[in-house]
Amino acid sequence: MIVSTDVVCIRRVDLERVRTLIKPRLSDLDPAKIIVNTTHTHTAPVLVDAREQNLDPYDLMATFVYRVPEKG
């Protein structure tokens, strides 16, 4: 399965979250075969959950993120 997104990058934690959420819904699909890619854009946001505390220093642009608010 290939999923395309319009954001600057997909972090490993987000890829694993997608795989975890899809696994119980598509039991015949091996989660390791889920590929998430991004379009080539320089203006889309990098999304991070507002509650996330420990950004992986190896994730691209971890310090230039837009925190998705918990409400609103």
PDB file of N, CA and C in Angstrom:
ATOM      1  N   MET A   1       0.849  -1.164   0.000  1.00  0.00           N
ATOM      2  CA  MET A   1       0.000   0.000   0.000  1.00  0.00           C
ATOM      3  C   MET A   1       0.902   1.236   0.000  1.00  0.00           C
ATOM      4  N   ILE A   2       0.607   2.166  -0.874  1.00  0.00           N
ATOM      5  CA  ILE A   2       1.361   3.415  -0.932  1.00  0.00           C
ATOM      6  C   ILE A   2       0.412   4.561  -0.583  1.00  0.00           C
ATOM      7  N   VAL A   3       0.838   5.396   0.348  1.00  0.00           N
ATOM      8  CA  VAL A   3       0.066   6.563   0.762  1.00  0.00           C
ATOM      9  C   VAL A   3       0.905   7.787   0.447  1.00  0.00           C
ATOM     10  N   SER A   4       0.321   8.738  -0.266  1.00  0.00           N
ATOM     11  CA  SER A   4       1.030   9.970  -0.601  1.00  0.00           C
ATOM     12  C   SER A   4       0.448  11.114   0.215  1.00  0.00           C
ATOM     13  N   THR A   5       1.332  11.963   0.747  1.00  0.00           N
ATOM     14  CA  THR A   5       0.891  13.081   1.580  1.00  0.00           C
ATOM     15  C   THR A   5       1.480  14.390   1.064  1.00  0.00           C
ATOM     16  N   ASP A   6       0.853  15.482   1.406  1.00  0.00           N
ATOM     17  CA  ASP A   6       1.326  16.799   0.996  1.00  0.00           C
ATOM     18  C   ASP A   6       1.874  17.530   2.216  1.00  0.00           C
ATOM     19  N   VAL A   7       2.977  17.034   2.731  1.00  0.00           N
ATOM     20  CA  VAL A   7       3.694  17.647   3.845  1.00  0.00           C
ATOM     21  C   VAL A   7       5.181  17.596   3.525  1.00  0.00           C
ATOM     22  N   VAL A   8       5.978  18.289   4.297  1.00  0.00           N
ATOM     23  CA  VAL A   8       7.417  18.365   4.018  1.00  0.00           C
ATOM     24  C   VAL A   8       8.101  17.027   4.227  1.00  0.00           C
ATOM     25  N   CYS A   9       7.752  16.324   5.295  1.00  0.00           N
ATOM     26  CA  CYS A   9       8.412  15.045   5.564  1.00  0.00           C
ATOM     27  C   CYS A   9       7.505  14.147   6.393  1.00  0.00           C
ATOM     28  N   ILE A  10       7.797  12.876   6.362  1.00  0.00           N
ATOM     29  CA  ILE A  10       7.121  11.894   7.209  1.00  0.00           C
ATOM     30  C   ILE A  10       8.162  11.377   8.183  1.00  0.00           C
ATOM     31  N   ARG A  11       7.884  11.539   9.459  1.00  0.00           N
ATOM     32  CA  ARG A  11       8.821  11.073  10.470  1.00  0.00           C
ATOM     33  C   ARG A  11       8.573   9.595  10.759  1.00  0.00           C
ATOM     34  N   ARG A  12       9.593   8.916  11.229  1.00  0.00           N
ATOM     35  CA  ARG A  12       9.458   7.493  11.530  1.00  0.00           C
ATOM     36  C   ARG A  12       8.341   7.228  12.522  1.00  0.00           C
ATOM     37  N   VAL A  13       8.201   8.072  13.528  1.00  0.00           N
ATOM     38  CA  VAL A  13       7.164   7.878  14.543  1.00  0.00           C
ATOM     39  C   VAL A  13       5.779   7.951  13.906  1.00  0.00           C
ATOM     40  N   ASP A  14       5.602   8.819  12.912  1.00  0.00           N
ATOM     41  CA  ASP A  14       4.313   8.932  12.232  1.00  0.00           C
ATOM     42  C   ASP A  14       4.041   7.727  11.344  1.00  0.00           C
ATOM     43  N   LEU A  15       5.071   7.242  10.663  1.00  0.00           N
ATOM     44  CA  LEU A  15       4.922   6.040   9.848  1.00  0.00           C
ATOM     45  C   LEU A  15       4.514   4.859  10.721  1.00  0.00           C
ATOM     46  N   GLU A  16       5.156   4.696  11.853  1.00  0.00           N
ATOM     47  CA  GLU A  16       4.817   3.597  12.757  1.00  0.00           C
ATOM     48  C   GLU A  16       3.402   3.752  13.316  1.00  0.00           C
ATOM     49  N   ARG A  17       2.990   4.994  13.566  1.00  0.00           N
ATOM     50  CA  ARG A  17       1.625   5.242  14.047  1.00  0.00           C
ATOM     51  C   ARG A  17       0.608   4.839  12.984  1.00  0.00           C
ATOM     52  N   VAL A  18       0.868   5.189  11.729  1.00  0.00           N
ATOM     53  CA  VAL A  18      -0.017   4.798  10.623  1.00  0.00           C
ATOM     54  C   VAL A  18      -0.103   3.280  10.540  1.00  0.00           C
ATOM     55  N   ARG A  19       1.040   2.617  10.579  1.00  0.00           N
ATOM     56  CA  ARG A  19       1.056   1.156  10.491  1.00  0.00           C
ATOM     57  C   ARG A  19       0.283   0.524  11.647  1.00  0.00           C
ATOM     58  N   THR A  20       0.428   1.068  12.843  1.00  0.00           N
ATOM     59  CA  THR A  20      -0.271   0.537  14.014  1.00  0.00           C
ATOM     60  C   THR A  20      -1.775   0.713  13.888  1.00  0.00           C
ATOM     61  N   LEU A  21      -2.212   1.860  13.365  1.00  0.00           N
ATOM     62  CA  LEU A  21      -3.641   2.123  13.228  1.00  0.00           C
ATOM     63  C   LEU A  21      -4.285   1.297  12.121  1.00  0.00           C
ATOM     64  N   ILE A  22      -3.540   1.014  11.064  1.00  0.00           N
ATOM     65  CA  ILE A  22      -4.093   0.264   9.934  1.00  0.00           C
ATOM     66  C   ILE A  22      -4.125  -1.235  10.204  1.00  0.00           C
ATOM     67  N   LYS A  23      -3.164  -1.738  10.960  1.00  0.00           N
ATOM     68  CA  LYS A  23      -3.036  -3.186  11.182  1.00  0.00           C
ATOM     69  C   LYS A  23      -4.338  -3.872  11.595  1.00  0.00           C
ATOM     70  N   PRO A  24      -5.077  -3.378  12.600  1.00  0.00           N
ATOM     71  CA  PRO A  24      -6.310  -4.088  12.974  1.00  0.00           C
ATOM     72  C   PRO A  24      -7.439  -3.937  11.947  1.00  0.00           C
ATOM     73  N   ARG A  25      -7.356  -2.952  11.094  1.00  0.00           N
ATOM     74  CA  ARG A  25      -8.417  -2.716  10.111  1.00  0.00           C
ATOM     75  C   ARG A  25      -8.219  -3.509   8.828  1.00  0.00           C
ATOM     76  N   LEU A  26      -6.957  -3.785   8.500  1.00  0.00           N
ATOM     77  CA  LEU A  26      -6.634  -4.555   7.297  1.00  0.00           C
ATOM     78  C   LEU A  26      -5.724  -5.712   7.716  1.00  0.00           C
ATOM     79  N   SER A  27      -6.312  -6.700   8.341  1.00  0.00           N
ATOM     80  CA  SER A  27      -5.522  -7.786   8.934  1.00  0.00           C
ATOM     81  C   SER A  27      -4.727  -8.584   7.907  1.00  0.00           C
ATOM     82  N   ASP A  28      -5.148  -8.593   6.643  1.00  0.00           N
ATOM     83  CA  ASP A  28      -4.415  -9.334   5.605  1.00  0.00           C
ATOM     84  C   ASP A  28      -3.189  -8.573   5.095  1.00  0.00           C
ATOM     85  N   LEU A  29      -3.063  -7.312   5.454  1.00  0.00           N
ATOM     86  CA  LEU A  29      -1.959  -6.486   4.968  1.00  0.00           C
ATOM     87  C   LEU A  29      -0.807  -6.481   5.975  1.00  0.00           C
ATOM     88  N   ASP A  30       0.377  -6.801   5.505  1.00  0.00           N
ATOM     89  CA  ASP A  30       1.575  -6.737   6.343  1.00  0.00           C
ATOM     90  C   ASP A  30       1.911  -5.261   6.547  1.00  0.00           C
ATOM     91  N   PRO A  31       1.884  -4.754   7.800  1.00  0.00           N
ATOM     92  CA  PRO A  31       2.154  -3.329   8.049  1.00  0.00           C
ATOM     93  C   PRO A  31       3.506  -2.865   7.515  1.00  0.00           C
ATOM     94  N   ALA A  32       4.468  -3.755   7.419  1.00  0.00           N
ATOM     95  CA  ALA A  32       5.790  -3.384   6.886  1.00  0.00           C
ATOM     96  C   ALA A  32       5.718  -3.032   5.408  1.00  0.00           C
ATOM     97  N   LYS A  33       4.622  -3.389   4.746  1.00  0.00           N
ATOM     98  CA  LYS A  33       4.466  -3.091   3.321  1.00  0.00           C
ATOM     99  C   LYS A  33       3.706  -1.788   3.074  1.00  0.00           C
ATOM    100  N   ILE A  34       3.452  -1.040   4.134  1.00  0.00           N
ATOM    101  CA  ILE A  34       2.811   0.273   3.999  1.00  0.00           C
ATOM    102  C   ILE A  34       3.912   1.297   3.789  1.00  0.00           C
ATOM    103  N   ILE A  35       3.843   1.992   2.672  1.00  0.00           N
ATOM    104  CA  ILE A  35       4.832   3.017   2.324  1.00  0.00           C
ATOM    105  C   ILE A  35       4.134   4.369   2.343  1.00  0.00           C
ATOM    106  N   VAL A  36       4.691   5.310   3.078  1.00  0.00           N
ATOM    107  CA  VAL A  36       4.144   6.662   3.110  1.00  0.00           C
ATOM    108  C   VAL A  36       5.199   7.595   2.526  1.00  0.00           C
ATOM    109  N   ASN A  37       4.810   8.350   1.499  1.00  0.00           N
ATOM    110  CA  ASN A  37       5.752   9.283   0.892  1.00  0.00           C
ATOM    111  C   ASN A  37       5.182  10.692   0.915  1.00  0.00           C
ATOM    112  N   THR A  38       6.000  11.656   0.582  1.00  0.00           N
ATOM    113  CA  THR A  38       5.550  13.037   0.512  1.00  0.00           C
ATOM    114  C   THR A  38       5.757  13.575  -0.891  1.00  0.00           C
ATOM    115  N   THR A  39       4.994  14.586  -1.220  1.00  0.00           N
ATOM    116  CA  THR A  39       5.224  15.267  -2.485  1.00  0.00           C
ATOM    117  C   THR A  39       6.426  16.188  -2.308  1.00  0.00           C
ATOM    118  N   HIS A  40       7.007  16.599  -3.392  1.00  0.00           N
ATOM    119  CA  HIS A  40       8.169  17.484  -3.298  1.00  0.00           C
ATOM    120  C   HIS A  40       7.676  18.920  -3.160  1.00  0.00           C
ATOM    121  N   THR A  41       7.660  19.379  -1.928  1.00  0.00           N
ATOM    122  CA  THR A  41       7.160  20.720  -1.659  1.00  0.00           C
ATOM    123  C   THR A  41       8.087  21.429  -0.675  1.00  0.00           C
ATOM    124  N   HIS A  42       8.148  22.715  -0.793  1.00  0.00           N
ATOM    125  CA  HIS A  42       8.983  23.497   0.116  1.00  0.00           C
ATOM    126  C   HIS A  42       8.155  24.417   0.999  1.00  0.00           C
ATOM    127  N   THR A  43       6.834  24.356   0.862  1.00  0.00           N
ATOM    128  CA  THR A  43       5.991  25.273   1.619  1.00  0.00           C
ATOM    129  C   THR A  43       4.983  24.576   2.523  1.00  0.00           C
ATOM    130  N   ALA A  44       4.885  23.264   2.472  1.00  0.00           N
ATOM    131  CA  ALA A  44       3.925  22.551   3.320  1.00  0.00           C
ATOM    132  C   ALA A  44       4.447  22.471   4.750  1.00  0.00           C
ATOM    133  N   PRO A  45       3.532  22.317   5.707  1.00  0.00           N
ATOM    134  CA  PRO A  45       3.972  22.262   7.110  1.00  0.00           C
ATOM    135  C   PRO A  45       4.577  20.918   7.478  1.00  0.00           C
ATOM    136  N   VAL A  46       5.353  20.921   8.529  1.00  0.00           N
ATOM    137  CA  VAL A  46       5.802  19.694   9.182  1.00  0.00           C
ATOM    138  C   VAL A  46       4.926  19.575  10.414  1.00  0.00           C
ATOM    139  N   LEU A  47       4.216  18.471  10.554  1.00  0.00           N
ATOM    140  CA  LEU A  47       3.238  18.349  11.622  1.00  0.00           C
ATOM    141  C   LEU A  47       3.749  17.522  12.786  1.00  0.00           C
ATOM    142  N   VAL A  48       3.495  18.013  13.980  1.00  0.00           N
ATOM    143  CA  VAL A  48       3.856  17.310  15.202  1.00  0.00           C
ATOM    144  C   VAL A  48       2.701  17.471  16.177  1.00  0.00           C
ATOM    145  N   ASP A  49       2.352  16.408  16.854  1.00  0.00           N
ATOM    146  CA  ASP A  49       1.311  16.458  17.865  1.00  0.00           C
ATOM    147  C   ASP A  49       1.727  17.439  18.966  1.00  0.00           C
ATOM    148  N   ALA A  50       0.821  18.276  19.427  1.00  0.00           N
ATOM    149  CA  ALA A  50       1.128  19.294  20.435  1.00  0.00           C
ATOM    150  C   ALA A  50       1.642  18.693  21.730  1.00  0.00           C
ATOM    151  N   ARG A  51       1.262  17.457  22.021  1.00  0.00           N
ATOM    152  CA  ARG A  51       1.682  16.805  23.261  1.00  0.00           C
ATOM    153  C   ARG A  51       3.042  16.136  23.161  1.00  0.00           C
ATOM    154  N   GLU A  52       3.570  16.005  21.962  1.00  0.00           N
ATOM    155  CA  GLU A  52       4.840  15.296  21.780  1.00  0.00           C
ATOM    156  C   GLU A  52       5.992  16.066  22.407  1.00  0.00           C
ATOM    157  N   GLN A  53       6.800  15.381  23.168  1.00  0.00           N
ATOM    158  CA  GLN A  53       7.885  16.020  23.901  1.00  0.00           C
ATOM    159  C   GLN A  53       9.264  15.713  23.331  1.00  0.00           C
ATOM    160  N   ASN A  54       9.528  14.473  22.999  1.00  0.00           N
ATOM    161  CA  ASN A  54      10.867  14.044  22.629  1.00  0.00           C
ATOM    162  C   ASN A  54      10.985  13.797  21.131  1.00  0.00           C
ATOM    163  N   LEU A  55      11.280  14.841  20.395  1.00  0.00           N
ATOM    164  CA  LEU A  55      11.460  14.687  18.957  1.00  0.00           C
ATOM    165  C   LEU A  55      12.779  13.985  18.681  1.00  0.00           C
ATOM    166  N   ASP A  56      12.758  13.062  17.758  1.00  0.00           N
ATOM    167  CA  ASP A  56      13.968  12.335  17.386  1.00  0.00           C
ATOM    168  C   ASP A  56      14.913  13.297  16.674  1.00  0.00           C
ATOM    169  N   PRO A  57      16.136  13.467  17.173  1.00  0.00           N
ATOM    170  CA  PRO A  57      17.059  14.433  16.560  1.00  0.00           C
ATOM    171  C   PRO A  57      17.450  14.076  15.132  1.00  0.00           C
ATOM    172  N   TYR A  58      17.210  12.832  14.713  1.00  0.00           N
ATOM    173  CA  TYR A  58      17.555  12.430  13.348  1.00  0.00           C
ATOM    174  C   TYR A  58      16.411  12.644  12.366  1.00  0.00           C
ATOM    175  N   ASP A  59      15.240  13.015  12.872  1.00  0.00           N
ATOM    176  CA  ASP A  59      14.134  13.302  11.967  1.00  0.00           C
ATOM    177  C   ASP A  59      14.345  14.652  11.312  1.00  0.00           C
ATOM    178  N   LEU A  60      14.136  14.692  10.018  1.00  0.00           N
ATOM    179  CA  LEU A  60      14.326  15.900   9.231  1.00  0.00           C
ATOM    180  C   LEU A  60      13.485  17.043   9.781  1.00  0.00           C
ATOM    181  N   MET A  61      14.104  18.175   9.984  1.00  0.00           N
ATOM    182  CA  MET A  61      13.435  19.407  10.384  1.00  0.00           C
ATOM    183  C   MET A  61      12.696  19.297  11.713  1.00  0.00           C
ATOM    184  N   ALA A  62      13.181  18.485  12.621  1.00  0.00           N
ATOM    185  CA  ALA A  62      12.493  18.293  13.905  1.00  0.00           C
ATOM    186  C   ALA A  62      12.367  19.584  14.698  1.00  0.00           C
ATOM    187  N   THR A  63      13.203  20.564  14.428  1.00  0.00           N
ATOM    188  CA  THR A  63      13.118  21.810  15.180  1.00  0.00           C
ATOM    189  C   THR A  63      12.281  22.870  14.471  1.00  0.00           C
ATOM    190  N   PHE A  64      11.828  22.595  13.257  1.00  0.00           N
ATOM    191  CA  PHE A  64      11.041  23.563  12.495  1.00  0.00           C
ATOM    192  C   PHE A  64       9.648  23.018  12.239  1.00  0.00           C
ATOM    193  N   VAL A  65       8.943  22.680  13.294  1.00  0.00           N
ATOM    194  CA  VAL A  65       7.657  22.025  13.142  1.00  0.00           C
ATOM    195  C   VAL A  65       6.507  22.940  13.533  1.00  0.00           C
ATOM    196  N   TYR A  66       5.355  22.647  12.969  1.00  0.00           N
ATOM    197  CA  TYR A  66       4.120  23.293  13.375  1.00  0.00           C
ATOM    198  C   TYR A  66       3.411  22.319  14.299  1.00  0.00           C
ATOM    199  N   ARG A  67       3.224  22.702  15.545  1.00  0.00           N
ATOM    200  CA  ARG A  67       2.567  21.808  16.486  1.00  0.00           C
ATOM    201  C   ARG A  67       1.049  21.850  16.274  1.00  0.00           C
ATOM    202  N   VAL A  68       0.488  20.705  15.965  1.00  0.00           N
ATOM    203  CA  VAL A  68      -0.950  20.603  15.778  1.00  0.00           C
ATOM    204  C   VAL A  68      -1.608  20.759  17.145  1.00  0.00           C
ATOM    205  N   PRO A  69      -2.470  21.766  17.319  1.00  0.00           N
ATOM    206  CA  PRO A  69      -3.062  22.001  18.640  1.00  0.00           C
ATOM    207  C   PRO A  69      -3.996  20.873  19.049  1.00  0.00           C
ATOM    208  N   GLU A  70      -4.107  20.635  20.359  1.00  0.00           N
ATOM    209  CA  GLU A  70      -4.982  19.584  20.858  1.00  0.00           C
ATOM    210  C   GLU A  70      -6.434  19.910  20.586  1.00  0.00           C
ATOM    211  N   LYS A  71      -6.796  21.181  20.653  1.00  0.00           N
ATOM    212  CA  LYS A  71      -8.186  21.610  20.411  1.00  0.00           C
ATOM    213  C   LYS A  71      -8.176  22.654  19.296  1.00  0.00           C
ATOM    214  N   GLY A  72      -9.235  22.573  18.479  1.00  0.00           N
ATOM    215  CA  GLY A  72      -9.363  23.597  17.446  1.00  0.00           C
ATOM    216  C   GLY A  72      -8.587  23.338  16.287  1.00  0.00           C
TER     217      GLY A  72
END
